[in-house]
Protein backbone atom coordinates (compact mmCIF):
# COMPACT_ATOMS: atom_id res chain seq x y z
CA MET A 1 94.52 98.55 83.69
CA THR A 2 94.44 102.23 82.74
CA ALA A 3 94.35 101.38 79.04
CA TYR A 4 91.48 98.96 79.67
CA PHE A 5 89.32 101.59 81.34
CA ILE A 6 90.15 104.14 78.66
CA ARG A 7 88.88 101.67 76.04
CA ARG A 8 85.76 101.06 78.12
CA PHE A 9 85.06 104.78 78.30
CA LEU A 10 85.57 105.14 74.56
CA LEU A 11 83.12 102.29 73.94
CA ILE A 12 80.43 104.40 75.61
CA ILE A 13 80.25 106.58 72.50
CA PRO A 14 79.21 103.95 69.89
CA THR A 15 77.03 102.15 72.44
CA PHE A 16 75.22 105.36 73.32
CA ILE A 17 74.68 106.20 69.66
CA GLY A 18 73.38 102.69 68.96
CA ILE A 19 70.88 102.78 71.85
CA THR A 20 69.57 106.26 71.18
CA ILE A 21 69.30 105.95 67.41
CA MET A 22 67.30 102.72 67.74
CA VAL A 23 64.80 104.28 70.18
CA PHE A 24 64.68 107.52 68.18
CA ILE A 25 63.70 105.64 65.02
CA ILE A 26 61.05 103.68 66.93
CA THR A 27 59.49 106.89 68.25
CA ARG A 28 59.15 108.18 64.70
CA PHE A 29 57.10 105.21 63.50
CA VAL A 30 54.97 104.53 66.59
CA PRO A 31 51.47 105.97 66.08
CA GLY A 32 49.94 108.44 68.50
CA GLY A 33 52.60 111.16 68.43
CA PRO A 34 52.09 114.87 69.14
CA ILE A 35 50.64 115.63 65.70
CA GLU A 36 48.12 112.79 65.93
CA ARG A 37 47.19 113.98 69.42
CA ILE A 38 46.56 117.52 68.20
CA ILE A 39 44.44 116.21 65.31
CA ALA A 40 42.44 114.04 67.73
CA GLN A 41 41.86 116.99 70.04
CA ALA A 42 40.79 119.13 67.11
CA GLN A 43 38.42 116.39 65.95
CA GLN A 44 36.93 116.15 69.41
CA GLN A 45 36.47 119.90 69.58
CA GLY A 46 35.03 119.87 66.04
CA ALA A 47 32.58 117.14 67.02
CA ILE A 48 31.34 119.26 69.92
CA GLU A 49 30.96 122.30 67.71
CA GLY A 50 29.37 120.11 65.03
CA VAL A 51 26.65 119.12 67.43
CA ARG A 52 26.06 122.74 68.28
CA GLY A 53 26.29 124.14 64.77
CA ALA A 54 25.36 121.09 62.66
CA ARG A 55 28.68 121.01 60.80
CA SER A 56 29.15 118.56 57.94
CA SER A 57 30.76 115.16 58.59
CA ALA A 58 33.65 116.00 56.22
CA GLU A 59 34.58 119.05 58.30
CA GLN A 60 34.50 116.97 61.48
CA THR A 61 36.66 114.19 59.99
CA GLN A 62 39.59 116.42 59.00
CA PRO A 63 39.68 119.57 61.12
CA LEU A 64 43.20 120.62 60.03
CA SER A 65 44.28 121.56 56.54
CA ASP A 66 47.33 120.07 54.82
CA GLU A 67 49.19 123.36 55.33
CA GLN A 68 48.53 123.26 59.06
CA ILE A 69 49.71 119.66 59.30
CA GLN A 70 52.90 120.54 57.44
CA GLU A 71 53.50 123.44 59.83
CA LEU A 72 53.09 121.07 62.77
CA LYS A 73 55.56 118.61 61.22
CA LYS A 74 58.04 121.43 60.75
CA TYR A 75 57.52 122.65 64.32
CA TYR A 76 58.14 119.19 65.81
CA GLY A 77 60.95 118.35 63.36
CA PHE A 78 59.05 115.59 61.57
CA ASP A 79 59.56 117.18 58.15
CA LYS A 80 63.14 115.89 57.85
CA PRO A 81 64.48 112.35 57.27
CA VAL A 82 64.89 110.27 60.42
CA LEU A 83 68.69 110.21 60.42
CA VAL A 84 68.92 113.96 59.80
CA SER A 85 66.51 114.59 62.68
CA TYR A 86 68.49 112.24 64.91
CA PHE A 87 71.82 113.98 64.36
CA LEU A 88 70.18 117.37 64.87
CA TRP A 89 68.79 116.05 68.17
CA LEU A 90 72.19 114.55 69.09
CA GLY A 91 73.85 117.90 68.44
CA LYS A 92 71.46 119.57 70.87
CA VAL A 93 72.12 116.86 73.49
CA LEU A 94 75.87 117.41 73.22
CA ARG A 95 75.20 121.09 73.94
CA GLY A 96 73.17 120.16 77.01
CA ASP A 97 69.75 120.74 75.44
CA LEU A 98 67.39 117.77 75.83
CA GLY A 99 64.59 119.55 74.01
CA THR A 100 61.10 120.66 75.03
CA SER A 101 58.19 118.50 76.11
CA THR A 102 55.50 118.17 73.45
CA ARG A 103 52.93 117.67 76.19
CA TYR A 104 53.71 120.37 78.75
CA TYR A 105 56.00 122.59 76.63
CA ASP A 106 58.56 122.78 79.43
CA PRO A 107 62.30 122.12 79.00
CA VAL A 108 62.93 118.39 79.38
CA TRP A 109 65.99 118.86 81.60
CA GLU A 110 64.03 121.06 84.01
CA MET A 111 61.30 118.41 84.26
CA ILE A 112 63.85 115.68 84.91
CA LYS A 113 65.90 117.78 87.34
CA GLU A 114 62.86 118.38 89.56
CA ARG A 115 62.30 114.64 89.93
CA ILE A 116 65.89 113.41 90.35
CA PRO A 117 66.02 114.04 94.16
CA ILE A 118 62.90 111.92 94.74
CA SER A 119 64.16 108.93 92.74
CA LEU A 120 67.62 109.37 94.27
CA TYR A 121 66.07 109.32 97.75
CA PHE A 122 64.32 106.00 97.20
CA GLY A 123 67.21 104.58 95.19
CA LEU A 124 69.82 105.17 97.89
CA LEU A 125 67.57 103.84 100.64
CA THR A 126 66.86 100.75 98.53
CA LEU A 127 70.55 100.17 97.86
CA ILE A 128 71.49 100.54 101.53
CA LEU A 129 68.72 98.24 102.72
CA THR A 130 69.32 95.66 99.99
CA TYR A 131 73.03 95.25 100.61
CA GLY A 132 72.72 95.86 104.36
CA VAL A 133 70.22 93.02 104.79
CA CYS A 134 70.96 90.61 101.94
CA ILE A 135 74.67 90.14 102.62
CA PRO A 136 74.30 89.29 106.36
CA LEU A 137 71.22 87.18 105.62
CA GLY A 138 72.99 85.30 102.84
CA ILE A 139 75.96 84.63 105.12
CA ALA A 140 73.69 83.37 107.90
CA LYS A 141 71.77 81.11 105.49
CA ALA A 142 75.02 79.64 104.13
CA ILE A 143 76.40 78.91 107.60
CA LYS A 144 73.08 77.42 108.81
CA HIS A 145 72.27 75.59 105.59
CA LYS A 146 69.23 73.23 105.88
CA SER A 147 68.49 74.46 109.38
CA PRO A 148 64.96 75.63 110.39
CA PHE A 149 66.17 79.22 110.05
CA ASP A 150 67.38 78.56 106.48
CA ASN A 151 64.18 76.77 105.47
CA ILE A 152 61.79 79.35 106.93
CA SER A 153 63.75 82.30 105.51
CA SER A 154 63.93 80.58 102.11
CA VAL A 155 60.14 80.30 102.00
CA ALA A 156 59.84 84.01 102.79
CA VAL A 157 62.49 84.98 100.24
CA PHE A 158 61.01 82.79 97.48
CA THR A 159 57.58 84.26 98.16
CA GLY A 160 59.01 87.72 97.72
CA TYR A 161 60.78 86.64 94.55
CA ALA A 162 57.51 85.31 93.07
CA ILE A 163 55.67 88.61 93.61
CA PRO A 164 56.78 91.64 91.53
CA GLY A 165 57.45 94.79 93.51
CA TRP A 166 54.61 96.76 91.97
CA VAL A 167 52.12 93.92 92.65
CA ALA A 168 53.27 93.80 96.26
CA GLY A 169 52.80 97.57 96.34
CA ILE A 170 49.17 97.24 95.24
CA LEU A 171 48.55 94.55 97.86
CA MET A 172 50.13 96.69 100.58
CA LEU A 173 48.04 99.69 99.54
CA VAL A 174 44.85 97.64 99.67
CA LEU A 175 45.63 96.18 103.10
CA PHE A 176 47.66 98.77 104.99
CA ALA A 177 46.36 101.97 103.38
CA SER A 178 42.81 101.35 102.23
CA GLN A 179 41.48 98.71 104.61
CA TRP A 180 43.45 99.25 107.81
CA GLU A 181 44.41 102.91 107.15
CA ILE A 182 47.84 102.55 108.74
CA PHE A 183 49.76 104.20 105.90
CA PRO A 184 48.77 106.80 103.26
CA LEU A 185 47.41 105.82 99.86
CA GLY A 186 50.25 107.47 97.96
CA GLY A 187 52.41 110.51 97.47
CA LEU A 188 55.54 111.52 99.35
CA MET A 189 54.09 114.04 101.79
CA SER A 190 50.80 115.21 103.23
CA ASP A 191 48.85 118.17 101.86
CA ASP A 192 49.64 120.32 104.92
CA PHE A 193 53.32 119.30 104.99
CA GLU A 194 54.54 122.91 104.95
CA ASP A 195 52.69 123.67 108.19
CA PHE A 196 54.44 120.89 110.12
CA THR A 197 57.37 121.29 112.49
CA LEU A 198 60.71 119.73 111.57
CA VAL A 199 60.02 116.60 113.63
CA GLN A 200 56.52 116.28 112.15
CA LYS A 201 57.92 116.68 108.62
CA LEU A 202 60.44 113.91 109.27
CA GLY A 203 57.74 111.63 110.66
CA ASP A 204 55.42 112.39 107.74
CA LEU A 205 58.19 111.63 105.23
CA ILE A 206 58.95 108.29 106.92
CA TRP A 207 55.20 107.51 107.04
CA HIS A 208 54.93 107.98 103.28
CA THR A 209 58.21 106.16 102.59
CA VAL A 210 57.59 102.79 104.27
CA LEU A 211 55.31 101.07 101.73
CA PRO A 212 57.05 102.17 98.49
CA LEU A 213 60.44 101.39 100.00
CA LEU A 214 59.30 97.85 100.84
CA ALA A 215 58.08 97.46 97.27
CA TYR A 216 61.45 98.67 95.95
CA VAL A 217 63.49 96.35 98.18
CA LEU A 218 61.33 93.32 97.41
CA GLY A 219 62.39 93.37 93.76
CA SER A 220 66.12 92.78 94.31
CA PHE A 221 66.06 91.30 97.82
CA SER A 222 65.64 87.66 96.84
CA VAL A 223 68.24 87.59 94.07
CA MET A 224 70.93 89.24 96.19
CA THR A 225 70.27 86.99 99.19
CA PHE A 226 70.56 83.72 97.29
CA LEU A 227 73.51 85.00 95.27
CA MET A 228 75.36 85.72 98.52
CA LYS A 229 74.39 82.36 100.03
CA ASN A 230 75.25 80.21 97.02
CA THR A 231 78.60 81.84 96.28
CA LEU A 232 79.63 81.59 99.93
CA MET A 233 78.65 77.92 100.07
CA ASP A 234 80.69 77.24 96.92
CA ASN A 235 83.72 78.88 98.48
CA LEU A 236 83.25 77.06 101.79
CA ALA A 237 83.41 73.79 99.88
CA SER A 238 86.63 74.80 98.12
CA ASP A 239 89.98 73.18 98.85
CA TYR A 240 91.63 76.36 100.12
CA VAL A 241 89.03 76.76 102.87
CA ARG A 242 89.27 73.12 103.95
CA THR A 243 93.07 73.44 103.95
CA ALA A 244 92.91 76.55 106.12
CA ILE A 245 90.61 74.78 108.61
CA SER A 246 92.81 71.69 108.66
CA LYS A 247 95.79 73.87 109.57
CA GLY A 248 94.00 75.05 112.68
CA LEU A 249 92.12 78.13 111.49
CA SER A 250 88.71 78.43 113.11
CA PHE A 251 85.60 78.04 110.96
CA LYS A 252 84.61 81.63 111.69
CA MET A 253 88.00 82.98 110.63
CA ALA A 254 87.96 80.81 107.50
CA ILE A 255 84.68 82.41 106.50
CA PHE A 256 85.50 86.05 107.14
CA LYS A 257 89.19 85.94 106.25
CA HIS A 258 89.10 83.76 103.14
CA ALA A 259 85.70 82.70 101.78
CA LEU A 260 83.74 85.92 102.28
CA ARG A 261 85.96 88.14 100.17
CA ASN A 262 85.84 85.78 97.20
CA SER A 263 82.08 85.47 97.64
CA LEU A 264 81.67 89.24 97.31
CA VAL A 265 82.93 89.22 93.71
CA PRO A 266 79.49 88.46 92.13
CA ILE A 267 77.93 91.05 94.47
CA ALA A 268 80.46 93.63 93.33
CA THR A 269 79.75 92.76 89.70
CA SER A 270 76.11 93.80 90.07
CA PHE A 271 76.80 96.87 92.21
CA GLY A 272 77.51 99.29 89.39
CA ASN A 273 74.47 98.22 87.40
CA ASN A 274 72.23 99.45 90.22
CA ILE A 275 73.27 103.06 89.63
CA SER A 276 70.81 103.62 86.80
CA VAL A 277 68.04 102.11 88.94
CA ILE A 278 69.01 104.38 91.85
CA LEU A 279 68.48 107.51 89.77
CA SER A 280 65.90 106.43 87.22
CA GLY A 281 63.51 104.88 89.71
CA SER A 282 60.88 102.30 88.91
CA PHE A 283 58.16 103.13 86.38
CA LEU A 284 55.53 100.85 87.88
CA ILE A 285 56.25 101.32 91.59
CA GLU A 286 56.26 105.11 91.33
CA THR A 287 53.05 104.92 89.30
CA VAL A 288 51.34 102.68 91.87
CA PHE A 289 52.28 104.95 94.79
CA ASN A 290 51.91 108.19 92.80
CA ILE A 291 55.46 109.26 93.59
CA ASN A 292 56.48 112.13 91.36
CA GLY A 293 59.93 110.80 90.47
CA MET A 294 61.68 109.97 87.22
CA GLY A 295 59.90 106.63 87.01
CA LEU A 296 56.44 108.20 87.00
CA LEU A 297 57.64 110.86 84.55
CA GLY A 298 58.95 108.15 82.22
CA TYR A 299 55.72 106.18 82.41
CA GLU A 300 53.58 109.23 81.67
CA SER A 301 55.84 110.30 78.81
CA VAL A 302 55.55 106.86 77.17
CA VAL A 303 51.78 106.78 77.58
CA GLU A 304 51.37 110.34 76.29
CA ARG A 305 53.93 109.82 73.48
CA ASP A 306 56.00 112.71 74.83
CA TYR A 307 59.05 111.70 72.81
CA PRO A 308 61.50 114.43 73.91
CA VAL A 309 60.98 113.40 77.56
CA VAL A 310 61.34 109.72 76.62
CA MET A 311 64.62 110.43 74.86
CA GLY A 312 65.83 112.67 77.70
CA ILE A 313 65.28 109.94 80.29
CA LEU A 314 66.90 107.43 77.93
CA VAL A 315 70.00 109.62 77.63
CA ILE A 316 70.45 109.80 81.40
CA SER A 317 69.61 106.17 82.18
CA SER A 318 71.74 104.70 79.37
CA LEU A 319 74.78 106.78 80.34
CA LEU A 320 74.35 105.79 83.97
CA PHE A 321 74.02 102.13 83.03
CA MET A 322 77.21 102.17 80.96
CA LEU A 323 79.13 104.05 83.65
CA GLY A 324 77.75 101.55 86.15
CA ASN A 325 79.26 98.68 84.16
CA ILE A 326 82.65 100.35 84.40
CA LEU A 327 82.13 100.92 88.12
CA SER A 328 81.33 97.20 88.47
CA ASP A 329 84.72 96.35 86.97
CA ILE A 330 86.39 98.72 89.43
CA CYS A 331 84.52 97.10 92.33
CA VAL A 332 85.56 93.62 91.17
CA ALA A 333 89.20 94.73 90.97
CA ALA A 334 88.97 96.20 94.48
CA VAL A 335 87.45 93.03 95.96
CA ASP A 336 89.56 90.49 94.06
CA PRO A 337 93.23 91.50 93.69
CA ARG A 338 93.75 88.58 91.29
CA VAL A 339 91.75 90.40 88.64
CA LYS A 340 93.95 92.18 86.13
CA PHE A 341 92.22 94.09 83.32
CA GLU A 342 94.34 94.00 80.20
C-alpha cells in the first residue's frame, strides 16, 4: 500500500504540470488581457481629451506608441515564447511566489490568503451539514422505502437537485432579504460589526451565514442523500444481509453492523474530492451573496483577465483536488478492509 501511495504522490507532478500549462497557454491567447485593458483605458482617456482639445481621430485610435506597447509586454512577460514564460512562472511558483495581480498590483498570495478563512468557514460548515444530514436521511429513506416519508422527502430532494445553488440563492435573497427583510442582502457582517459585543457579533455572523450556507448545502445535498439510500438498499438486498437475518440477527443490527459500513464506501470515495471545494469556495454563490472569499476573487479575476490571480487560484485548487483524490483512497481503505492498494 505504501508503494501505491508513493506512486500517487509522484503522479501529482505531471498532472499538475499538464493542468497549469494548458490554462497558462489559454490565458495567453484569450483577448482582453492587461495590455488590452491599458490600451482601452488610454483610448477612453484620449477620447475625453479629444472632445476637450479636438484631437485628431488617428491620435484617439492608437494612444500608445509601439515602444510603449513593447515595454508593457516586457513588464508583463508577454515578450517571451509561451513555454519559456510558463517555465519562468513555474520556477517562481516552486519558490512560493505566485506573482503580482495585474489589476490591483498586490501579491497574489496575499490576496488569496486574506480570503481563505472565509471560504474555509463556509466549506467546513457545508461539509458538516451535508454529511451530518444526508447520511441519516439516506438511511431513513432506505429503511422506509416507498413510505409517505420517503415519497415526500424525495419530492423535496429532487426539487433541490433541479435548482442550482446560486439560483436558489437569488430566490432566497429576493424573498427573505428584499421582500420580507428577514436576512441581509449580502456580505458576511454588518457595517458596524466592530462596535458589537461578542454575543452580538456571533448573532450577526449567524444572521449573515444562513442564506449562503443553505445555497451551498443545496448543491450537494441531493446527490449525497440518494447515493446513501441507493447503496444501502443494494446492500440490504444482498445475500450476506439476508443470511445474517435468517440466522437470527435483528434487522437493525444487520443494517448497522453489516450493510451500513459497505454502503459508506461510495460516500468515502467522494469525501476527499470535497477538499478543494471547501477551500476554493463557489464562484457563483459567493458572487450572488457578495462574500469576499476565494470564489468571488476567482470570478472577478476571470472577468477582469487578472491572469496571475487566475493561475494562483488554479495552483491551490488543483493541488487540493489531487490530494483529495489520494485522501479518498485512504478513506475507502479505512471503511472497507477488503481494499488492498497494490
